[in-house]
Amino acid sequence: MKTPETSPLFTPWKNPVTGVESLILTERPASVQTQFYYTHPSFTNDGRYLWLHCKFVAPGGRSGADVLGVVDFELDELRVYHETAHNTGRPVIDLATGDAYWFNDLNLYKRGPRANDVTTLVNKFPANIAAGRKPERIATHLTFCANGKSVNFDARFGNDNVTYLGELPLDGSPATLWEEIDGFFDHGLFSPIDPDLMMFACEYWQYHAPFDGKKPYHRLWMIRRGGKAEPILKQPVSHSGHEWFDVDGEHVWYVHYGVGIKRVNLKTRAEENLWPARLAHGYSDRTGKLLIADTMADPVVCDCIVIFKNLNTGKEVELVHRGPLAPDLTQCGHLHPHPHFCNQDKYVCYTTTVHDRVDLALTNVSHLVQMTK
């Protein structure tokens, strides 16, 4: 079986300053190709399949059709599945089977990674909650319950200032509404170890304009099945975001903008600032000792700067440092690197613009560790 290092679908690119080598997916059936959201690794555990977003954007444009593609390292080919359009939630991949799940309107679908796999309807969001309203989203990004029996939702409809939190079973049985909560909440994530716990985020800035990022508020929330939503932090903080569960489920990480990447103990609610820096998005490996992050001066017209930090040594190395794409170049909205660890921490995956276009890139983690000894 091929690997990113041996597949002709990928081309090496070396940072001219730091010497870090990334492998860029240069087989390009789509005009824009990006990795999955940073909390959602899409490189299967066996190393055979790497799912990606394929966007069909007109030359010089910023928006277009968004479907899924998959690199099959066994057959060494990239396939695009046009039936995987998703407009009400970002997909999730079962890393053991390679199956993709996604929402389109109120319907939850599933498709395997092989060329002859078929798309099947898994379940439907409750019509009584939707009540004929157009969904703004059903799930910001799907996650699996720790027992593997359901996926989460954080649904919103139209301009209503209400968020519906709950789960939709994968066996087709009825959904369970955990709470209907006033306010703009999103980024729901199931705990990786506790099937009765979900984390989500408050987008305070969405309904308190103008917002300068200085006013403290509770971004991080959690809810337990049968209970009521509550803030995670003891005290509100200034603007923050991009949170994720530790692999042990005992900690939550988040980016406190302008302050650093922090880790919160869910039992004690004690916080540690493990990477003091001005960062935008981050992610941790399974040991919690290796971190990857991006930073940008402007989240709308953004730089592509990705940095690796080895907490064992305190050293850092830059993967890429690239300014914003020229406005006349083909791109997409929300063009952030969103780096994350994948394939059981063997690679860092991120979106890059080093070729003046939008590409998916992988960097070998062992090489980054060697460079930060």
Protein backbone atom coordinates (compact mmCIF):
# COMPACT_ATOMS: atom_id res chain seq x y z
CA MET A 1 0.00 0.00 0.00
CA LYS A 2 1.21 3.49 -0.84
CA THR A 3 1.75 6.22 1.74
CA PRO A 4 1.77 10.01 1.38
CA GLU A 5 5.56 9.74 1.05
CA THR A 6 5.42 7.20 -1.79
CA SER A 7 2.19 8.09 -3.63
CA PRO A 8 2.52 10.11 -6.86
CA LEU A 9 -0.69 11.87 -5.83
CA PHE A 10 1.41 13.91 -3.39
CA THR A 11 4.30 16.27 -4.10
CA PRO A 12 6.87 17.38 -1.49
CA TRP A 13 7.20 21.05 -0.63
CA LYS A 14 9.92 22.33 1.69
CA ASN A 15 9.75 25.45 3.83
CA PRO A 16 12.75 27.47 2.56
CA VAL A 17 13.46 28.93 6.00
CA THR A 18 12.93 26.05 8.43
CA GLY A 19 13.44 23.07 6.12
CA VAL A 20 10.18 21.40 7.20
CA GLU A 21 8.85 19.23 4.37
CA SER A 22 5.13 18.89 3.70
CA LEU A 23 3.44 16.55 1.25
CA ILE A 24 0.82 18.36 -0.84
CA LEU A 25 -2.03 16.57 -2.57
CA THR A 26 -1.36 17.76 -6.12
CA GLU A 27 -3.83 15.41 -7.80
CA ARG A 28 -6.63 17.97 -8.22
CA PRO A 29 -10.03 17.00 -9.63
CA ALA A 30 -11.51 20.02 -7.79
CA SER A 31 -10.53 23.68 -7.93
CA VAL A 32 -10.32 23.88 -4.11
CA GLN A 33 -9.30 20.94 -1.88
CA THR A 34 -9.22 21.19 1.91
CA GLN A 35 -8.88 19.01 4.95
CA PHE A 36 -11.71 18.32 7.37
CA TYR A 37 -12.34 20.58 10.36
CA TYR A 38 -9.54 20.39 12.92
CA THR A 39 -11.58 18.38 15.47
CA HIS A 40 -12.41 15.81 12.78
CA PRO A 41 -9.43 13.81 11.52
CA SER A 42 -10.36 11.97 8.31
CA PHE A 43 -7.31 9.72 7.78
CA THR A 44 -8.45 6.20 8.75
CA ASN A 45 -6.61 4.25 11.42
CA ASP A 46 -5.33 1.65 8.96
CA GLY A 47 -3.79 4.36 6.73
CA ARG A 48 -5.77 3.38 3.65
CA TYR A 49 -8.30 6.23 3.27
CA LEU A 50 -7.96 10.00 3.57
CA TRP A 51 -11.20 11.91 3.10
CA LEU A 52 -11.21 15.57 2.05
CA HIS A 53 -13.50 18.42 1.00
CA CYS A 54 -13.64 18.99 -2.75
CA LYS A 55 -15.06 22.38 -3.69
CA PHE A 56 -15.96 23.27 -7.25
CA VAL A 57 -15.37 27.01 -7.35
CA ALA A 58 -15.35 29.11 -10.53
CA PRO A 59 -12.01 30.72 -11.46
CA GLY A 60 -11.39 33.70 -9.20
CA GLY A 61 -14.41 32.80 -7.07
CA ARG A 62 -14.92 32.08 -3.37
CA SER A 63 -17.97 29.82 -3.27
CA GLY A 64 -19.19 26.72 -5.05
CA ALA A 65 -20.39 23.15 -4.71
CA ASP A 66 -18.86 21.24 -1.78
CA VAL A 67 -18.68 17.44 -1.88
CA LEU A 68 -16.40 14.76 -0.48
CA GLY A 69 -13.43 13.06 -2.04
CA VAL A 70 -11.25 10.25 -0.76
CA VAL A 71 -7.65 9.23 -1.36
CA ASP A 72 -7.39 5.45 -1.51
CA PHE A 73 -3.75 4.57 -0.79
CA GLU A 74 -4.35 0.88 -1.59
CA LEU A 75 -5.40 1.69 -5.16
CA ASP A 76 -3.41 4.96 -5.22
CA GLU A 77 -6.23 7.07 -6.57
CA LEU A 78 -8.35 10.06 -5.61
CA ARG A 79 -12.10 9.67 -6.13
CA VAL A 80 -14.82 12.33 -5.84
CA TYR A 81 -18.33 11.40 -4.72
CA HIS A 82 -20.71 14.07 -5.99
CA GLU A 83 -23.68 12.59 -4.13
CA THR A 84 -22.12 13.66 -0.81
CA ALA A 85 -23.21 17.32 -0.96
CA HIS A 86 -23.76 18.58 2.59
CA ASN A 87 -25.46 21.86 3.41
CA THR A 88 -26.53 21.60 7.06
CA GLY A 89 -23.46 20.19 8.79
CA ARG A 90 -19.86 19.14 8.34
CA PRO A 91 -19.25 15.38 7.92
CA VAL A 92 -17.57 12.93 10.26
CA ILE A 93 -15.58 9.81 9.36
CA ASP A 94 -15.68 6.49 11.19
CA LEU A 95 -11.91 6.01 11.43
CA ALA A 96 -12.27 2.25 11.91
CA THR A 97 -14.48 1.52 8.89
CA GLY A 98 -13.76 4.56 6.69
CA ASP A 99 -17.48 5.36 6.37
CA ALA A 100 -18.53 9.01 5.99
CA TYR A 101 -21.66 10.49 7.61
CA TRP A 102 -23.18 13.87 6.72
CA PHE A 103 -26.36 15.94 6.88
CA ASN A 104 -28.09 17.32 3.82
CA ASP A 105 -31.18 19.32 4.79
CA LEU A 106 -32.86 17.20 7.50
CA ASN A 107 -31.44 13.87 6.32
CA LEU A 108 -28.44 12.01 7.75
CA TYR A 109 -26.61 9.96 5.12
CA LYS A 110 -23.79 7.43 5.09
CA ARG A 111 -21.35 6.25 2.41
CA GLY A 112 -18.39 3.93 2.45
CA PRO A 113 -15.03 4.91 0.91
CA ARG A 114 -14.91 2.31 -1.86
CA ALA A 115 -15.93 3.17 -5.40
CA ASN A 116 -18.82 0.69 -5.48
CA ASP A 117 -20.22 1.66 -2.08
CA VAL A 118 -23.70 3.19 -2.10
CA THR A 119 -25.17 6.12 -0.21
CA THR A 120 -27.84 5.20 2.35
CA LEU A 121 -30.26 7.22 4.44
CA VAL A 122 -29.43 6.65 8.11
CA ASN A 123 -32.01 8.82 9.88
CA LYS A 124 -34.01 12.04 9.71
CA PHE A 125 -34.01 15.04 12.00
CA PRO A 126 -37.41 15.32 13.78
CA ALA A 127 -39.97 17.10 11.63
CA ASN A 128 -41.79 18.37 14.74
CA ILE A 129 -38.70 20.36 15.81
CA ALA A 130 -38.05 21.64 12.31
CA ALA A 131 -41.73 22.62 12.05
CA GLY A 132 -41.40 23.42 8.37
CA ARG A 133 -38.58 25.94 8.94
CA LYS A 134 -35.51 26.07 6.75
CA PRO A 135 -32.50 24.68 8.66
CA GLU A 136 -29.56 27.02 9.08
CA ARG A 137 -27.69 23.94 10.25
CA ILE A 138 -28.43 20.62 11.93
CA ALA A 139 -24.91 19.90 13.21
CA THR A 140 -21.93 22.25 13.06
CA HIS A 141 -19.77 19.17 12.74
CA LEU A 142 -21.01 15.68 13.55
CA THR A 143 -19.38 13.60 16.28
CA PHE A 144 -20.08 10.05 17.40
CA CYS A 145 -21.35 9.26 20.87
CA ALA A 146 -18.77 7.34 22.93
CA ASN A 147 -20.89 4.18 22.64
CA GLY A 148 -21.03 4.54 18.85
CA LYS A 149 -24.83 4.51 18.75
CA SER A 150 -25.65 8.08 17.74
CA VAL A 151 -24.39 11.43 16.45
CA ASN A 152 -24.91 14.85 17.97
CA PHE A 153 -26.84 17.85 16.71
CA ASP A 154 -26.84 21.57 17.59
CA ALA A 155 -29.61 22.65 15.25
CA ARG A 156 -30.76 26.17 14.35
CA PHE A 157 -33.53 27.32 12.02
CA GLY A 158 -33.83 30.58 10.12
CA ASN A 159 -33.30 33.67 12.22
CA ASP A 160 -34.67 32.17 15.44
CA ASN A 161 -32.44 32.79 18.44
CA VAL A 162 -32.83 29.19 19.64
CA THR A 163 -30.45 26.20 19.52
CA TYR A 164 -31.61 22.59 19.81
CA LEU A 165 -29.07 20.23 21.42
CA GLY A 166 -29.38 16.47 21.26
CA GLU A 167 -28.55 13.21 19.52
CA LEU A 168 -29.78 11.24 16.53
CA PRO A 169 -29.39 7.43 16.69
CA LEU A 170 -27.62 5.59 13.87
CA ASP A 171 -30.18 2.77 13.92
CA GLY A 172 -32.98 5.00 12.66
CA SER A 173 -34.79 5.32 15.98
CA PRO A 174 -36.16 8.70 17.17
CA ALA A 175 -33.92 11.58 18.15
CA THR A 176 -33.48 12.70 21.75
CA LEU A 177 -33.64 16.43 22.47
CA TRP A 178 -31.34 17.22 25.40
CA GLU A 179 -32.17 20.91 25.68
CA GLU A 180 -33.71 23.79 23.78
CA ILE A 181 -31.61 26.82 24.69
CA ASP A 182 -31.93 30.49 23.81
CA GLY A 183 -28.90 31.98 22.09
CA PHE A 184 -26.48 31.26 19.24
CA PHE A 185 -24.67 28.06 20.22
CA ASP A 186 -22.70 25.72 17.97
CA HIS A 187 -19.61 23.48 17.70
CA GLY A 188 -21.23 20.64 19.64
CA LEU A 189 -18.86 17.76 20.45
CA PHE A 190 -19.59 14.48 22.19
CA SER A 191 -17.18 13.47 24.94
CA PRO A 192 -14.82 10.74 23.64
CA ILE A 193 -15.40 8.62 26.77
CA ASP A 194 -18.76 9.62 28.28
CA PRO A 195 -21.89 8.97 26.16
CA ASP A 196 -23.91 11.27 28.41
CA LEU A 197 -21.76 14.39 28.02
CA MET A 198 -21.57 16.99 25.27
CA MET A 199 -19.56 20.21 24.95
CA PHE A 200 -20.65 23.19 22.86
CA ALA A 201 -19.85 26.86 22.34
CA CYS A 202 -21.60 30.20 22.69
CA GLU A 203 -21.08 32.58 19.76
CA TYR A 204 -21.68 35.69 21.87
CA TRP A 205 -20.45 38.00 19.14
CA GLN A 206 -23.23 36.83 16.80
CA TYR A 207 -25.92 38.62 18.79
CA HIS A 208 -24.01 41.33 20.67
CA ALA A 209 -22.77 43.61 17.89
CA PRO A 210 -20.59 45.55 17.81
CA PHE A 211 -18.17 43.24 19.62
CA ASP A 212 -14.52 44.16 20.16
CA GLY A 213 -13.38 40.88 21.71
CA LYS A 214 -12.53 42.42 25.07
CA LYS A 215 -15.70 41.78 27.05
CA PRO A 216 -15.51 38.53 29.08
CA TYR A 217 -18.21 35.96 28.37
CA HIS A 218 -18.75 32.21 28.70
CA ARG A 219 -17.78 30.64 25.38
CA LEU A 220 -17.39 27.07 26.70
CA TRP A 221 -20.48 25.13 27.82
CA MET A 222 -21.36 21.53 28.52
CA ILE A 223 -24.52 19.56 29.04
CA ARG A 224 -25.17 16.18 30.60
CA ARG A 225 -28.02 14.00 29.37
CA GLY A 226 -31.08 14.77 31.46
CA GLY A 227 -29.51 17.95 32.84
CA LYS A 228 -29.21 21.62 31.97
CA ALA A 229 -26.42 23.38 30.10
CA GLU A 230 -23.79 25.10 32.23
CA PRO A 231 -20.55 27.04 31.61
CA ILE A 232 -17.30 25.07 31.85
CA LEU A 233 -15.01 27.81 33.13
CA LYS A 234 -15.30 29.18 36.64
CA GLN A 235 -15.13 32.73 35.33
CA PRO A 236 -15.86 34.19 31.87
CA VAL A 237 -12.88 35.27 29.75
CA SER A 238 -12.31 37.62 26.85
CA HIS A 239 -12.86 36.36 23.32
CA SER A 240 -11.85 32.73 22.83
CA GLY A 241 -12.72 29.77 20.67
CA HIS A 242 -11.83 26.54 18.88
CA GLU A 243 -12.20 24.04 21.66
CA TRP A 244 -11.65 20.28 21.73
CA PHE A 245 -11.71 17.32 24.12
CA ASP A 246 -8.51 15.67 25.22
CA VAL A 247 -8.32 12.02 24.20
CA ASP A 248 -8.85 11.00 27.84
CA GLY A 249 -12.08 13.01 28.05
CA GLU A 250 -10.89 14.54 31.31
CA HIS A 251 -9.76 17.85 29.83
CA VAL A 252 -10.98 20.47 27.39
CA TRP A 253 -8.54 22.61 25.40
CA TYR A 254 -9.32 26.00 23.92
CA VAL A 255 -7.63 28.98 22.29
CA HIS A 256 -7.83 32.13 24.40
CA TYR A 257 -7.21 34.72 21.72
CA GLY A 258 -4.15 36.83 22.37
CA VAL A 259 -3.31 34.75 25.47
CA GLY A 260 -2.56 31.17 24.40
CA ILE A 261 -3.77 27.59 24.23
CA LYS A 262 -5.26 26.53 27.54
CA ARG A 263 -6.24 23.17 29.03
CA VAL A 264 -9.09 22.87 31.54
CA ASN A 265 -9.56 20.00 34.00
CA LEU A 266 -13.28 19.15 33.85
CA LYS A 267 -13.34 17.94 37.48
CA THR A 268 -11.56 20.85 39.13
CA ARG A 269 -12.09 23.47 36.39
CA ALA A 270 -8.45 24.47 36.90
CA GLU A 271 -6.79 26.01 33.82
CA GLU A 272 -3.24 25.85 32.46
CA ASN A 273 -1.87 28.06 29.70
CA LEU A 274 0.36 25.53 27.93
CA TRP A 275 1.30 27.64 24.91
CA PRO A 276 1.34 31.38 25.62
CA ALA A 277 1.06 32.97 22.18
CA ARG A 278 -1.25 34.78 19.78
CA LEU A 279 -2.87 31.83 18.00
CA ALA A 280 -6.08 31.21 16.05
CA HIS A 281 -6.67 27.44 16.00
CA GLY A 282 -4.91 24.58 17.73
CA TYR A 283 -4.92 20.86 18.38
CA SER A 284 -3.12 18.36 20.61
CA ASP A 285 -1.82 14.86 20.01
CA ARG A 286 -2.96 11.92 22.12
CA THR A 287 -0.20 12.45 24.69
CA GLY A 288 -1.01 16.12 25.18
CA LYS A 289 2.69 16.89 24.74
CA LEU A 290 2.70 17.87 21.07
CA LEU A 291 0.68 20.82 19.78
CA ILE A 292 -0.06 22.24 16.35
CA ALA A 293 -1.59 25.66 15.69
CA ASP A 294 -2.13 28.36 13.12
CA THR A 295 -2.06 32.11 13.46
CA MET A 296 -3.28 34.94 11.28
CA ALA A 297 -3.53 38.70 11.37
CA ASP A 298 -7.02 38.76 9.85
CA PRO A 299 -9.43 35.79 10.04
CA VAL A 300 -11.25 36.98 6.90
CA VAL A 301 -8.31 37.61 4.56
CA CYS A 302 -6.03 35.25 6.43
CA ASP A 303 -2.38 34.30 6.46
CA CYS A 304 -1.40 30.64 6.28
CA ILE A 305 1.04 30.26 9.17
CA VAL A 306 1.29 26.85 10.87
CA ILE A 307 3.49 26.14 13.89
CA PHE A 308 4.39 22.95 15.77
CA LYS A 309 5.28 23.04 19.46
CA ASN A 310 6.97 20.24 21.43
CA LEU A 311 5.97 20.69 25.07
CA ASN A 312 8.58 18.11 26.09
CA THR A 313 11.34 20.48 25.04
CA GLY A 314 9.55 23.82 24.75
CA LYS A 315 10.80 24.20 21.17
CA GLU A 316 8.81 25.26 18.12
CA VAL A 317 9.18 24.95 14.35
CA GLU A 318 7.21 26.58 11.57
CA LEU A 319 5.68 24.37 8.88
CA VAL A 320 4.60 27.17 6.57
CA HIS A 321 4.50 30.97 6.52
CA ARG A 322 2.40 32.31 3.69
CA GLY A 323 0.53 35.58 3.28
CA PRO A 324 -3.11 35.81 2.18
CA LEU A 325 -4.07 34.69 -1.32
CA ALA A 326 -4.47 37.51 -3.82
CA PRO A 327 -8.16 38.46 -4.10
CA ASP A 328 -8.33 37.51 -7.78
CA LEU A 329 -7.24 33.90 -7.11
CA THR A 330 -9.66 31.00 -6.74
CA GLN A 331 -10.25 30.29 -3.07
CA CYS A 332 -13.06 29.68 -0.60
CA GLY A 333 -14.66 31.28 2.41
CA HIS A 334 -13.31 30.45 5.86
CA LEU A 335 -9.89 29.72 4.38
CA HIS A 336 -8.02 28.76 7.56
CA PRO A 337 -5.23 26.16 7.85
CA HIS A 338 -7.07 24.36 10.71
CA PRO A 339 -4.10 22.01 11.42
CA HIS A 340 -4.67 18.78 13.32
CA PHE A 341 -3.01 15.46 14.10
CA CYS A 342 -4.30 12.44 12.17
CA ASN A 343 -3.66 8.78 11.34
CA GLN A 344 -3.01 8.08 15.02
CA ASP A 345 -0.71 11.11 15.28
CA LYS A 346 1.54 10.04 12.42
CA TYR A 347 0.81 13.19 10.42
CA VAL A 348 -0.26 16.78 10.77
CA CYS A 349 -2.95 17.67 8.23
CA TYR A 350 -3.70 21.25 7.20
CA THR A 351 -4.85 23.47 4.35
CA THR A 352 -2.09 25.32 2.53
CA THR A 353 -1.83 28.06 -0.10
CA VAL A 354 1.88 27.80 -0.98
CA HIS A 355 1.06 27.12 -4.64
CA ASP A 356 -1.29 30.14 -4.86
CA ARG A 357 -4.29 27.86 -4.62
CA VAL A 358 -6.08 25.89 -1.88
CA ASP A 359 -4.51 22.47 -1.21
CA LEU A 360 -4.47 19.77 1.42
CA ALA A 361 -1.07 19.06 3.00
CA LEU A 362 0.41 16.46 5.35
CA THR A 363 3.58 16.69 7.46
CA ASN A 364 5.25 13.74 9.16
CA VAL A 365 5.11 14.22 12.95
CA SER A 366 8.25 12.20 13.66
CA HIS A 367 10.24 14.69 11.54
CA LEU A 368 8.78 17.61 13.53
CA VAL A 369 9.72 15.89 16.80
CA GLN A 370 13.29 15.40 15.55
CA MET A 371 13.54 19.07 14.61
CA THR A 372 12.39 20.20 18.07
CA LYS A 373 14.51 17.94 20.25
